[in-house]
C-alpha atoms as a PDB file:
ATOM      1  CA  MET A   1       5.040  45.695 -30.268  1.00  0.00           C
ATOM      2  CA  ALA A   2       7.539  46.557 -27.289  1.00  0.00           C
ATOM      3  CA  LYS A   3       8.852  43.930 -25.069  1.00  0.00           C
ATOM      4  CA  PRO A   4      11.184  43.353 -22.022  1.00  0.00           C
ATOM      5  CA  GLY A   5      15.157  43.750 -22.640  1.00  0.00           C
ATOM      6  CA  LEU A   6      17.202  40.217 -23.089  1.00  0.00           C
ATOM      7  CA  ARG A   7      17.724  40.392 -19.016  1.00  0.00           C
ATOM      8  CA  ASN A   8      14.253  42.329 -18.066  1.00  0.00           C
ATOM      9  CA  LEU A   9      16.191  44.372 -16.064  1.00  0.00           C
ATOM     10  CA  ILE A  10      17.521  48.077 -15.924  1.00  0.00           C
ATOM     11  CA  THR A  11      20.827  46.559 -17.256  1.00  0.00           C
ATOM     12  CA  ASP A  12      19.322  46.362 -20.294  1.00  0.00           C
ATOM     13  CA  VAL A  13      19.859  50.332 -21.096  1.00  0.00           C
ATOM     14  CA  ASP A  14      23.249  50.003 -22.669  1.00  0.00           C
ATOM     15  CA  GLY A  15      26.365  51.295 -20.280  1.00  0.00           C
ATOM     16  CA  VAL A  16      24.275  50.973 -17.238  1.00  0.00           C
ATOM     17  CA  LEU A  17      25.478  48.346 -14.565  1.00  0.00           C
ATOM     18  CA  VAL A  18      23.883  47.712 -10.944  1.00  0.00           C
ATOM     19  CA  GLY A  19      26.096  46.518  -7.679  1.00  0.00           C
ATOM     20  CA  GLN A  20      24.376  45.211  -4.406  1.00  0.00           C
ATOM     21  CA  ALA A  21      25.654  44.613  -1.446  1.00  0.00           C
ATOM     22  CA  GLU A  22      24.463  43.138   1.749  1.00  0.00           C
ATOM     23  CA  ASP A  23      24.906  43.012   5.652  1.00  0.00           C
ATOM     24  CA  LEU A  24      22.867  39.850   6.636  1.00  0.00           C
ATOM     25  CA  GLN A  25      23.677  40.366  10.379  1.00  0.00           C
ATOM     26  CA  ALA A  26      21.882  44.004  10.191  1.00  0.00           C
ATOM     27  CA  CYS A  27      19.486  42.789   7.796  1.00  0.00           C
ATOM     28  CA  THR A  28      20.191  45.831   5.523  1.00  0.00           C
ATOM     29  CA  GLY A  29      21.888  46.403   1.897  1.00  0.00           C
ATOM     30  CA  VAL A  30      22.554  48.903  -0.882  1.00  0.00           C
ATOM     31  CA  THR A  31      22.062  49.282  -4.308  1.00  0.00           C
ATOM     32  CA  VAL A  32      24.109  51.494  -6.634  1.00  0.00           C
ATOM     33  CA  ILE A  33      23.771  52.176 -10.357  1.00  0.00           C
ATOM     34  CA  VAL A  34      27.093  52.533 -12.041  1.00  0.00           C
ATOM     35  CA  PRO A  35      26.527  54.294 -15.707  1.00  0.00           C
ATOM     36  CA  ASP A  36      29.963  53.731 -17.470  1.00  0.00           C
ATOM     37  CA  ARG A  37      30.337  57.395 -18.359  1.00  0.00           C
ATOM     38  CA  PRO A  38      28.808  60.404 -16.682  1.00  0.00           C
ATOM     39  CA  VAL A  39      25.126  60.686 -17.345  1.00  0.00           C
ATOM     40  CA  MET A  40      22.103  63.930 -17.313  1.00  0.00           C
ATOM     41  CA  GLY A  41      19.925  62.967 -14.335  1.00  0.00           C
ATOM     42  CA  THR A  42      17.117  64.053 -12.733  1.00  0.00           C
ATOM     43  CA  VAL A  43      14.598  63.774  -9.385  1.00  0.00           C
ATOM     44  CA  CYS A  44      11.325  63.760  -8.191  1.00  0.00           C
ATOM     45  CA  VAL A  45      10.377  63.467  -4.519  1.00  0.00           C
ATOM     46  CA  ALA A  46       6.591  62.504  -4.140  1.00  0.00           C
ATOM     47  CA  GLY A  47       6.484  61.415  -0.176  1.00  0.00           C
ATOM     48  CA  GLY A  48       6.240  63.431   2.756  1.00  0.00           C
ATOM     49  CA  GLY A  49       8.999  62.025   4.682  1.00  0.00           C
ATOM     50  CA  PRO A  50      12.032  61.496   2.340  1.00  0.00           C
ATOM     51  CA  GLY A  51      15.701  61.226   3.097  1.00  0.00           C
ATOM     52  CA  THR A  52      17.988  61.982   0.048  1.00  0.00           C
ATOM     53  CA  ARG A  53      21.754  63.284  -0.330  1.00  0.00           C
ATOM     54  CA  GLU A  54      22.725  65.695  -3.457  1.00  0.00           C
ATOM     55  CA  SER A  55      19.238  65.348  -5.057  1.00  0.00           C
ATOM     56  CA  ASP A  56      19.433  69.158  -5.512  1.00  0.00           C
ATOM     57  CA  VAL A  57      22.095  69.168  -7.980  1.00  0.00           C
ATOM     58  CA  LEU A  58      19.577  67.067 -10.123  1.00  0.00           C
ATOM     59  CA  SER A  59      17.437  70.677 -10.412  1.00  0.00           C
ATOM     60  CA  ALA A  60      17.284  72.463 -13.745  1.00  0.00           C
ATOM     61  CA  GLY A  61      19.859  75.127 -14.409  1.00  0.00           C
ATOM     62  CA  ARG A  62      22.500  73.049 -11.295  1.00  0.00           C
ATOM     63  CA  LEU A  63      26.262  72.919 -12.746  1.00  0.00           C
ATOM     64  CA  VAL A  64      26.548  69.048 -12.478  1.00  0.00           C
ATOM     65  CA  SER A  65      23.203  67.693 -13.219  1.00  0.00           C
ATOM     66  CA  ASP A  66      24.475  66.493 -16.622  1.00  0.00           C
ATOM     67  CA  SER A  67      27.553  64.753 -15.063  1.00  0.00           C
ATOM     68  CA  ILE A  68      25.900  62.052 -12.808  1.00  0.00           C
ATOM     69  CA  ASP A  69      28.627  59.252 -11.960  1.00  0.00           C
ATOM     70  CA  ALA A  70      26.019  56.942  -9.971  1.00  0.00           C
ATOM     71  CA  ILE A  71      22.815  56.644  -8.145  1.00  0.00           C
ATOM     72  CA  CYS A  72      22.889  55.109  -4.559  1.00  0.00           C
ATOM     73  CA  LEU A  73      19.902  53.563  -3.024  1.00  0.00           C
ATOM     74  CA  SER A  74      20.484  52.207   0.572  1.00  0.00           C
ATOM     75  CA  GLY A  75      18.954  50.765   3.500  1.00  0.00           C
ATOM     76  CA  GLY A  76      19.441  52.461   7.263  1.00  0.00           C
ATOM     77  CA  SER A  77      17.240  55.371   7.048  1.00  0.00           C
ATOM     78  CA  ALA A  78      19.854  58.425   7.630  1.00  0.00           C
ATOM     79  CA  PHE A  79      22.640  56.083   8.406  1.00  0.00           C
ATOM     80  CA  GLY A  80      22.474  54.619   4.686  1.00  0.00           C
ATOM     81  CA  LEU A  81      23.233  57.672   3.134  1.00  0.00           C
ATOM     82  CA  ALA A  82      27.088  57.326   3.945  1.00  0.00           C
ATOM     83  CA  ALA A  83      26.540  54.508   1.573  1.00  0.00           C
ATOM     84  CA  ALA A  84      27.597  57.159  -0.922  1.00  0.00           C
ATOM     85  CA  ASP A  85      30.785  57.767   0.974  1.00  0.00           C
ATOM     86  CA  GLY A  86      31.854  54.228  -0.289  1.00  0.00           C
ATOM     87  CA  VAL A  87      30.539  54.703  -3.968  1.00  0.00           C
ATOM     88  CA  MET A  88      32.552  57.634  -4.330  1.00  0.00           C
ATOM     89  CA  ALA A  89      35.547  56.310  -2.779  1.00  0.00           C
ATOM     90  CA  GLY A  90      35.114  53.386  -5.384  1.00  0.00           C
ATOM     91  CA  LEU A  91      34.667  56.172  -8.603  1.00  0.00           C
ATOM     92  CA  LYS A  92      37.599  58.528  -6.978  1.00  0.00           C
ATOM     93  CA  ALA A  93      39.647  55.151  -7.173  1.00  0.00           C
ATOM     94  CA  GLU A  94      38.920  55.057 -10.919  1.00  0.00           C
ATOM     95  CA  GLY A  95      39.510  58.442 -11.682  1.00  0.00           C
ATOM     96  CA  ARG A  96      36.027  59.251 -11.895  1.00  0.00           C
ATOM     97  CA  GLY A  97      34.176  62.573 -11.068  1.00  0.00           C
ATOM     98  CA  PHE A  98      33.208  66.240 -11.580  1.00  0.00           C
ATOM     99  CA  ALA A  99      36.485  68.623 -12.344  1.00  0.00           C
ATOM    100  CA  LEU A 100      35.862  72.058 -11.500  1.00  0.00           C
ATOM    101  CA  VAL A 101      39.867  72.701 -11.133  1.00  0.00           C
ATOM    102  CA  PRO A 102      41.341  70.090 -13.576  1.00  0.00           C
ATOM    103  CA  ARG A 103      45.016  69.597 -12.273  1.00  0.00           C
ATOM    104  CA  PRO A 104      47.349  67.378 -10.624  1.00  0.00           C
ATOM    105  CA  GLY A 105      46.820  66.945  -6.954  1.00  0.00           C
ATOM    106  CA  VAL A 106      43.323  68.254  -7.130  1.00  0.00           C
ATOM    107  CA  PRO A 107      40.418  65.374  -7.167  1.00  0.00           C
ATOM    108  CA  ALA A 108      37.798  64.990  -9.462  1.00  0.00           C
ATOM    109  CA  THR A 109      34.391  65.158  -7.114  1.00  0.00           C
ATOM    110  CA  PRO A 110      32.061  62.342  -7.811  1.00  0.00           C
ATOM    111  CA  ILE A 111      28.574  63.077  -8.054  1.00  0.00           C
ATOM    112  CA  VAL A 112      26.034  60.470  -6.323  1.00  0.00           C
ATOM    113  CA  PRO A 113      22.767  61.208  -5.747  1.00  0.00           C
ATOM    114  CA  THR A 114      21.326  59.177  -2.817  1.00  0.00           C
ATOM    115  CA  ALA A 115      17.942  57.888  -1.331  1.00  0.00           C
ATOM    116  CA  ILE A 116      17.131  55.910   1.663  1.00  0.00           C
ATOM    117  CA  LEU A 117      14.636  53.528   3.046  1.00  0.00           C
ATOM    118  CA  TYR A 118      14.054  53.091   6.633  1.00  0.00           C
ATOM    119  CA  ASP A 119      14.715  49.491   7.630  1.00  0.00           C
ATOM    120  CA  LEU A 120      16.236  50.004  11.171  1.00  0.00           C
ATOM    121  CA  ALA A 121      13.239  48.119  13.167  1.00  0.00           C
ATOM    122  CA  ASN A 122      13.355  45.081  11.120  1.00  0.00           C
ATOM    123  CA  GLY A 123      14.917  42.658  13.669  1.00  0.00           C
ATOM    124  CA  GLY A 124      18.527  42.713  12.004  1.00  0.00           C
ATOM    125  CA  ASP A 125      21.487  43.401  14.653  1.00  0.00           C
ATOM    126  CA  LYS A 126      21.711  47.156  14.515  1.00  0.00           C
ATOM    127  CA  GLU A 127      24.285  47.554  17.416  1.00  0.00           C
ATOM    128  CA  TRP A 128      27.049  48.340  14.944  1.00  0.00           C
ATOM    129  CA  GLY A 129      28.993  50.611  17.344  1.00  0.00           C
ATOM    130  CA  ASP A 130      30.792  53.833  16.135  1.00  0.00           C
ATOM    131  CA  VAL A 131      31.172  52.975  12.711  1.00  0.00           C
ATOM    132  CA  ALA A 132      27.924  52.038  10.548  1.00  0.00           C
ATOM    133  CA  PRO A 133      28.379  49.543   7.729  1.00  0.00           C
ATOM    134  CA  TYR A 134      27.125  51.550   4.793  1.00  0.00           C
ATOM    135  CA  ALA A 135      30.149  53.060   3.570  1.00  0.00           C
ATOM    136  CA  ALA A 136      31.452  49.638   3.157  1.00  0.00           C
ATOM    137  CA  LEU A 137      28.141  48.532   1.775  1.00  0.00           C
ATOM    138  CA  GLY A 138      28.098  51.542  -0.752  1.00  0.00           C
ATOM    139  CA  ARG A 139      32.123  50.362  -1.816  1.00  0.00           C
ATOM    140  CA  ASN A 140      31.204  46.472  -2.300  1.00  0.00           C
ATOM    141  CA  ALA A 141      28.352  47.092  -4.089  1.00  0.00           C
ATOM    142  CA  PHE A 142      30.402  49.838  -6.131  1.00  0.00           C
ATOM    143  CA  ASP A 143      32.951  46.936  -6.877  1.00  0.00           C
ATOM    144  CA  SER A 144      30.541  44.206  -7.674  1.00  0.00           C
ATOM    145  CA  ALA A 145      28.440  46.570 -10.274  1.00  0.00           C
ATOM    146  CA  GLY A 146      27.484  43.990 -13.384  1.00  0.00           C
ATOM    147  CA  LYS A 147      24.866  43.161 -15.713  1.00  0.00           C
ATOM    148  CA  GLY A 148      22.939  40.724 -13.367  1.00  0.00           C
ATOM    149  CA  VAL A 149      20.866  41.777 -10.355  1.00  0.00           C
ATOM    150  CA  VAL A 150      19.302  39.991  -7.766  1.00  0.00           C
ATOM    151  CA  LEU A 151      15.634  40.529  -7.085  1.00  0.00           C
ATOM    152  CA  GLY A 152      13.490  40.023  -3.775  1.00  0.00           C
ATOM    153  CA  LYS A 153      15.777  40.025  -0.833  1.00  0.00           C
ATOM    154  CA  ALA A 154      18.765  41.549  -2.143  1.00  0.00           C
ATOM    155  CA  GLY A 155      20.542  45.044  -2.095  1.00  0.00           C
ATOM    156  CA  ALA A 156      18.611  48.192  -0.541  1.00  0.00           C
ATOM    157  CA  GLY A 157      15.970  46.022  -0.009  1.00  0.00           C
ATOM    158  CA  LEU A 158      17.066  43.400   1.736  1.00  0.00           C
ATOM    159  CA  GLY A 159      15.394  44.051   4.799  1.00  0.00           C
ATOM    160  CA  ALA A 160      12.453  46.020   3.331  1.00  0.00           C
ATOM    161  CA  GLN A 161       8.489  45.359   4.005  1.00  0.00           C
ATOM    162  CA  ALA A 162       5.881  46.669   1.360  1.00  0.00           C
ATOM    163  CA  GLY A 163       2.609  46.513   3.597  1.00  0.00           C
ATOM    164  CA  ALA A 164       1.891  43.950   5.285  1.00  0.00           C
ATOM    165  CA  ALA A 165       4.150  41.642   2.570  1.00  0.00           C
ATOM    166  CA  PRO A 166       7.811  41.234   1.940  1.00  0.00           C
ATOM    167  CA  GLY A 167       9.228  44.002   0.520  1.00  0.00           C
ATOM    168  CA  GLY A 168      12.737  44.023  -1.895  1.00  0.00           C
ATOM    169  CA  THR A 169      14.339  44.843  -4.840  1.00  0.00           C
ATOM    170  CA  GLY A 170      12.482  44.707  -8.389  1.00  0.00           C
ATOM    171  CA  SER A 171      13.807  45.895 -11.851  1.00  0.00           C
ATOM    172  CA  ALA A 172      12.031  45.718 -15.546  1.00  0.00           C
ATOM    173  CA  SER A 173      12.811  46.734 -18.734  1.00  0.00           C
ATOM    174  CA  ILE A 174      11.222  47.402 -21.913  1.00  0.00           C
ATOM    175  CA  VAL A 175      12.469  48.084 -25.474  1.00  0.00           C
ATOM    176  CA  THR A 176      10.377  49.860 -28.155  1.00  0.00           C
ATOM    177  CA  ASN A 177       9.860  48.660 -31.623  1.00  0.00           C
ATOM    178  CA  ASP A 178      12.272  51.607 -32.642  1.00  0.00           C
ATOM    179  CA  GLY A 179      15.221  50.688 -30.608  1.00  0.00           C
ATOM    180  CA  LEU A 180      14.552  52.461 -27.015  1.00  0.00           C
ATOM    181  CA  THR A 181      15.098  50.982 -24.049  1.00  0.00           C
ATOM    182  CA  ILE A 182      13.447  51.965 -20.613  1.00  0.00           C
ATOM    183  CA  GLY A 183      14.807  50.190 -17.196  1.00  0.00           C
ATOM    184  CA  ALA A 184      13.775  50.817 -13.854  1.00  0.00           C
ATOM    185  CA  ILE A 185      14.939  49.186 -10.374  1.00  0.00           C
ATOM    186  CA  ALA A 186      12.823  49.791  -7.311  1.00  0.00           C
ATOM    187  CA  ALA A 187      13.508  49.004  -3.635  1.00  0.00           C
ATOM    188  CA  VAL A 188       9.998  48.464  -1.957  1.00  0.00           C
ATOM    189  CA  ASN A 189       9.593  49.241   1.429  1.00  0.00           C
ATOM    190  CA  SER A 190       6.124  50.878   1.188  1.00  0.00           C
ATOM    191  CA  PHE A 191       3.173  51.744   3.670  1.00  0.00           C
ATOM    192  CA  GLY A 192       0.825  50.482   1.033  1.00  0.00           C
ATOM    193  CA  SER A 193       0.105  47.524  -0.158  1.00  0.00           C
ATOM    194  CA  VAL A 194       1.028  45.990  -3.646  1.00  0.00           C
ATOM    195  CA  ARG A 195      -2.001  44.091  -3.841  1.00  0.00           C
ATOM    196  CA  ILE A 196      -5.635  44.574  -4.591  1.00  0.00           C
ATOM    197  CA  PRO A 197      -7.485  43.554  -1.267  1.00  0.00           C
ATOM    198  CA  GLY A 198      -9.380  40.169  -1.565  1.00  0.00           C
ATOM    199  CA  SER A 199      -7.121  39.166  -4.172  1.00  0.00           C
ATOM    200  CA  ASP A 200      -3.770  37.852  -4.966  1.00  0.00           C
ATOM    201  CA  ALA A 201      -3.348  39.793  -7.866  1.00  0.00           C
ATOM    202  CA  PHE A 202      -1.063  42.981  -7.971  1.00  0.00           C
ATOM    203  CA  TRP A 203      -1.946  46.583  -8.480  1.00  0.00           C
ATOM    204  CA  ALA A 204       0.422  46.607 -11.302  1.00  0.00           C
ATOM    205  CA  TRP A 205      -1.260  43.758 -13.210  1.00  0.00           C
ATOM    206  CA  PRO A 206      -2.484  44.992 -16.238  1.00  0.00           C
ATOM    207  CA  PHE A 207       1.176  46.351 -16.781  1.00  0.00           C
ATOM    208  CA  GLU A 208       2.417  42.742 -16.680  1.00  0.00           C
ATOM    209  CA  ILE A 209       4.181  41.068 -19.214  1.00  0.00           C
ATOM    210  CA  ALA A 210       4.701  37.077 -19.713  1.00  0.00           C
ATOM    211  CA  GLY A 211       3.836  36.424 -16.072  1.00  0.00           C
ATOM    212  CA  GLU A 212       7.411  38.377 -14.584  1.00  0.00           C
ATOM    213  CA  PHE A 213       5.139  38.311 -11.349  1.00  0.00           C
ATOM    214  CA  GLY A 214       3.065  35.281 -10.961  1.00  0.00           C
ATOM    215  CA  GLY A 215       0.408  36.250 -13.276  1.00  0.00           C
ATOM    216  CA  ALA A 216      -2.777  36.605 -10.933  1.00  0.00           C
ATOM    217  CA  ARG A 217      -5.622  38.146 -11.933  1.00  0.00           C
ATOM    218  CA  PRO A 218      -8.301  39.739 -10.174  1.00  0.00           C
ATOM    219  CA  GLY A 219     -11.822  37.914 -10.448  1.00  0.00           C
ATOM    220  CA  ALA A 220     -14.546  39.217 -12.583  1.00  0.00           C
ATOM    221  CA  ASP A 221     -16.607  40.071  -9.354  1.00  0.00           C
ATOM    222  CA  THR A 222     -13.854  41.540  -7.493  1.00  0.00           C
ATOM    223  CA  MET A 223     -14.881  44.898  -5.751  1.00  0.00           C
ATOM    224  CA  PHE A 224     -13.803  46.526  -2.594  1.00  0.00           C
ATOM    225  CA  ASP A 225     -14.294  49.280  -0.397  1.00  0.00           C
ATOM    226  CA  PRO A 226     -12.609  52.500  -1.390  1.00  0.00           C
ATOM    227  CA  GLU A 227     -11.270  52.874   2.320  1.00  0.00           C
ATOM    228  CA  ASP A 228      -9.958  49.083   2.362  1.00  0.00           C
ATOM    229  CA  TRP A 229      -6.518  49.477   1.945  1.00  0.00           C
ATOM    230  CA  GLY A 230      -5.576  45.841   2.098  1.00  0.00           C
ATOM    231  CA  ALA A 231      -2.647  44.724   3.236  1.00  0.00           C
ATOM    232  CA  ALA A 232      -0.975  47.843   4.123  1.00  0.00           C
ATOM    233  CA  LYS A 233       1.339  48.350   7.225  1.00  0.00           C
ATOM    234  CA  ALA A 234      -1.315  48.873  10.357  1.00  0.00           C
ATOM    235  CA  ASN A 235       0.626  51.280  11.973  1.00  0.00           C
ATOM    236  CA  PRO A 236       2.682  53.833   9.817  1.00  0.00           C
ATOM    237  CA  THR A 237       5.101  56.174  11.532  1.00  0.00           C
ATOM    238  CA  PRO A 238       6.984  59.017  10.075  1.00  0.00           C
ATOM    239  CA  ARG A 239       9.612  58.258   7.731  1.00  0.00           C
ATOM    240  CA  GLU A 240       9.867  54.526   7.774  1.00  0.00           C
ATOM    241  CA  ASN A 241       7.919  53.872   4.541  1.00  0.00           C
ATOM    242  CA  THR A 242       9.291  54.189   1.305  1.00  0.00           C
ATOM    243  CA  THR A 243       9.562  53.295  -2.056  1.00  0.00           C
ATOM    244  CA  ILE A 244      13.092  54.297  -3.578  1.00  0.00           C
ATOM    245  CA  ALA A 245      14.023  53.648  -7.461  1.00  0.00           C
ATOM    246  CA  CYS A 246      15.919  54.766 -10.127  1.00  0.00           C
ATOM    247  CA  ILE A 247      14.978  54.771 -13.825  1.00  0.00           C
ATOM    248  CA  ALA A 248      17.331  54.746 -16.876  1.00  0.00           C
ATOM    249  CA  ILE A 249      16.779  55.606 -20.634  1.00  0.00           C
ATOM    250  CA  ASP A 250      19.234  55.844 -23.664  1.00  0.00           C
ATOM    251  CA  ALA A 251      16.755  58.757 -25.641  1.00  0.00           C
ATOM    252  CA  MET A 252      18.535  61.984 -26.291  1.00  0.00           C
ATOM    253  CA  VAL A 253      16.395  64.557 -24.070  1.00  0.00           C
ATOM    254  CA  SER A 254      16.705  67.994 -22.867  1.00  0.00           C
ATOM    255  CA  HIS A 255      17.213  68.234 -18.846  1.00  0.00           C
ATOM    256  CA  ASP A 256      13.460  69.792 -19.105  1.00  0.00           C
ATOM    257  CA  GLU A 257      12.291  66.962 -21.016  1.00  0.00           C
ATOM    258  CA  LEU A 258      14.146  64.574 -18.417  1.00  0.00           C
ATOM    259  CA  GLN A 259      12.489  66.318 -15.705  1.00  0.00           C
ATOM    260  CA  ARG A 260       9.056  65.627 -17.425  1.00  0.00           C
ATOM    261  CA  ILE A 261       9.530  61.842 -18.022  1.00  0.00           C
ATOM    262  CA  ALA A 262      10.559  61.646 -14.128  1.00  0.00           C
ATOM    263  CA  GLN A 263       7.674  63.453 -13.091  1.00  0.00           C
ATOM    264  CA  MET A 264       5.188  61.294 -15.609  1.00  0.00           C
ATOM    265  CA  SER A 265       7.332  57.832 -14.075  1.00  0.00           C
ATOM    266  CA  LEU A 266       5.808  58.530 -10.781  1.00  0.00           C
ATOM    267  CA  ALA A 267       2.386  57.229 -12.118  1.00  0.00           C
ATOM    268  CA  GLY A 268       4.123  53.899 -11.864  1.00  0.00           C
ATOM    269  CA  MET A 269       4.106  53.926  -8.053  1.00  0.00           C
ATOM    270  CA  ALA A 270       0.732  54.946  -8.088  1.00  0.00           C
ATOM    271  CA  ARG A 271      -0.315  52.112 -10.408  1.00  0.00           C
ATOM    272  CA  ALA A 272       1.622  49.464  -8.438  1.00  0.00           C
ATOM    273  CA  ILE A 273       1.129  50.915  -4.396  1.00  0.00           C
ATOM    274  CA  ARG A 274      -1.943  51.811  -2.784  1.00  0.00           C
ATOM    275  CA  PRO A 275      -2.075  54.668  -0.638  1.00  0.00           C
ATOM    276  CA  VAL A 276       1.276  55.699  -2.164  1.00  0.00           C
ATOM    277  CA  PHE A 277       3.168  59.282  -1.541  1.00  0.00           C
ATOM    278  CA  ALA A 278       1.496  59.406   2.026  1.00  0.00           C
ATOM    279  CA  PRO A 279       2.783  61.696   4.809  1.00  0.00           C
ATOM    280  CA  THR A 280       4.947  58.947   6.217  1.00  0.00           C
ATOM    281  CA  ASP A 281       6.146  57.764   2.695  1.00  0.00           C
ATOM    282  CA  GLY A 282       9.788  58.974   1.519  1.00  0.00           C
ATOM    283  CA  ASP A 283       9.013  58.114  -2.324  1.00  0.00           C
ATOM    284  CA  VAL A 284      12.044  59.181  -4.530  1.00  0.00           C
ATOM    285  CA  VAL A 285      12.501  58.623  -8.063  1.00  0.00           C
ATOM    286  CA  PHE A 286      15.604  59.231  -9.932  1.00  0.00           C
ATOM    287  CA  VAL A 287      15.815  59.093 -13.654  1.00  0.00           C
ATOM    288  CA  ILE A 288      18.936  58.993 -15.985  1.00  0.00           C
ATOM    289  CA  SER A 289      19.687  59.396 -19.691  1.00  0.00           C
ATOM    290  CA  THR A 290      22.451  58.047 -21.355  1.00  0.00           C
ATOM    291  CA  GLN A 291      22.025  59.965 -24.385  1.00  0.00           C
ATOM    292  CA  ALA A 292      22.816  57.164 -26.408  1.00  0.00           C
ATOM    293  CA  ARG A 293      19.711  57.351 -29.134  1.00  0.00           C
ATOM    294  CA  PRO A 294      18.002  59.820 -30.939  1.00  0.00           C
ATOM    295  CA  VAL A 295      14.612  60.622 -30.724  1.00  0.00           C
ATOM    296  CA  GLU A 296      12.134  60.883 -33.769  1.00  0.00           C
ATOM    297  CA  GLY A 297       9.393  62.726 -34.333  1.00  0.00           C
ATOM    298  CA  SER A 298       7.331  65.356 -32.604  1.00  0.00           C
ATOM    299  CA  ARG A 299       9.339  66.066 -29.293  1.00  0.00           C
ATOM    300  CA  PRO A 300       5.980  66.289 -27.130  1.00  0.00           C
ATOM    301  CA  LEU A 301       4.486  63.305 -28.115  1.00  0.00           C
ATOM    302  CA  ALA A 302       7.942  61.601 -27.719  1.00  0.00           C
ATOM    303  CA  ILE A 303       8.839  62.628 -24.697  1.00  0.00           C
ATOM    304  CA  ALA A 304       4.984  61.512 -23.552  1.00  0.00           C
ATOM    305  CA  ARG A 305       5.605  58.053 -24.638  1.00  0.00           C
ATOM    306  CA  LEU A 306       9.033  57.880 -22.892  1.00  0.00           C
ATOM    307  CA  GLY A 307       6.977  58.965 -19.702  1.00  0.00           C
ATOM    308  CA  GLU A 308       4.478  56.137 -20.077  1.00  0.00           C
ATOM    309  CA  LEU A 309       6.706  53.917 -20.982  1.00  0.00           C
ATOM    310  CA  ALA A 310       8.725  54.638 -17.420  1.00  0.00           C
ATOM    311  CA  ALA A 311       5.476  54.710 -15.850  1.00  0.00           C
ATOM    312  CA  GLY A 312       4.821  51.338 -16.645  1.00  0.00           C
ATOM    313  CA  THR A 313       7.983  49.852 -16.124  1.00  0.00           C
ATOM    314  CA  LEU A 314       8.660  51.204 -12.770  1.00  0.00           C
ATOM    315  CA  ALA A 315       5.307  49.406 -11.959  1.00  0.00           C
ATOM    316  CA  ARG A 316       6.324  46.365 -13.366  1.00  0.00           C
ATOM    317  CA  ALA A 317       9.635  46.676 -11.028  1.00  0.00           C
ATOM    318  CA  ILE A 318       7.597  47.397  -8.104  1.00  0.00           C
ATOM    319  CA  ALA A 319       5.599  44.404  -8.264  1.00  0.00           C
ATOM    320  CA  ARG A 320       8.574  42.133  -9.413  1.00  0.00           C
ATOM    321  CA  GLY A 321      10.423  42.737  -6.034  1.00  0.00           C
ATOM    322  CA  VAL A 322       7.359  42.047  -3.937  1.00  0.00           C
ATOM    323  CA  TYR A 323       7.007  38.425  -5.992  1.00  0.00           C
ATOM    324  CA  GLU A 324      10.737  37.459  -5.985  1.00  0.00           C
ATOM    325  CA  ALA A 325      11.131  38.558  -1.979  1.00  0.00           C
ATOM    326  CA  GLU A 326       8.123  36.179  -1.416  1.00  0.00           C
ATOM    327  CA  ARG A 327       9.655  33.204  -3.338  1.00  0.00           C
END
């Protein structure tokens, strides 16, 4: 039977580290996912108001779609895209990056796809003058990368709001009985609610493992109006609501197969948040593969299995982020 990994974090995927950094005065932060070597990556953008950087390089047929050095998730709206500058600086210092012309004096270019969420109106001090804090936060997050992940009000989820509930950073993992590992991390700043109307139960409750986000269950008589969104944000505005996430797997797959897994993984957001993918949301999920373990059996069945596991793991990570933020 499949079960969470040792840490129940995305870092249960061998070779994947996570770094986090926060600016408590500005009430914002950055999360960076750092594999120990370049990996294959892809992305699905589902929300109507996304903010991304280097997402186009993850499309099929692109030169560097299998040379991803890190994934960056940041607060700060468009200002937060600069967090990737700090991550790139850290990678360059380690000699990492894609070298189109590999010769002395020509630096390799680190490939760091990035997505942002909006936390500019959360009460933090955003009067940072001419230099926003995000490049420094990105470098600090990169330098702190390790196997541990602080859940809740940390990293990119520090200043987030999930509907009417506190948003935050969540992570989860699953290990199959044949040794494949899937991990997810999310920063939850959604317009929609993560809980069933009139209940303490998360929408993701059917996927919960071992009480990882509190164990609340809807009552047998729980019913709700299809027009009742529960504790969603009362007044959504464009680009102010986003769940940004990264999923890591260790299965050997092609880029097309990884793209299908990414598309299936979006179901995890839909299982955990209602409504989701709205015009005012910037929902984005990255998926990376370390290509460490062979996949046995029928390819279509294997990819369907991995996509479903990715979706369930992402749903759990989203619920954990809000649950931990409320504690």
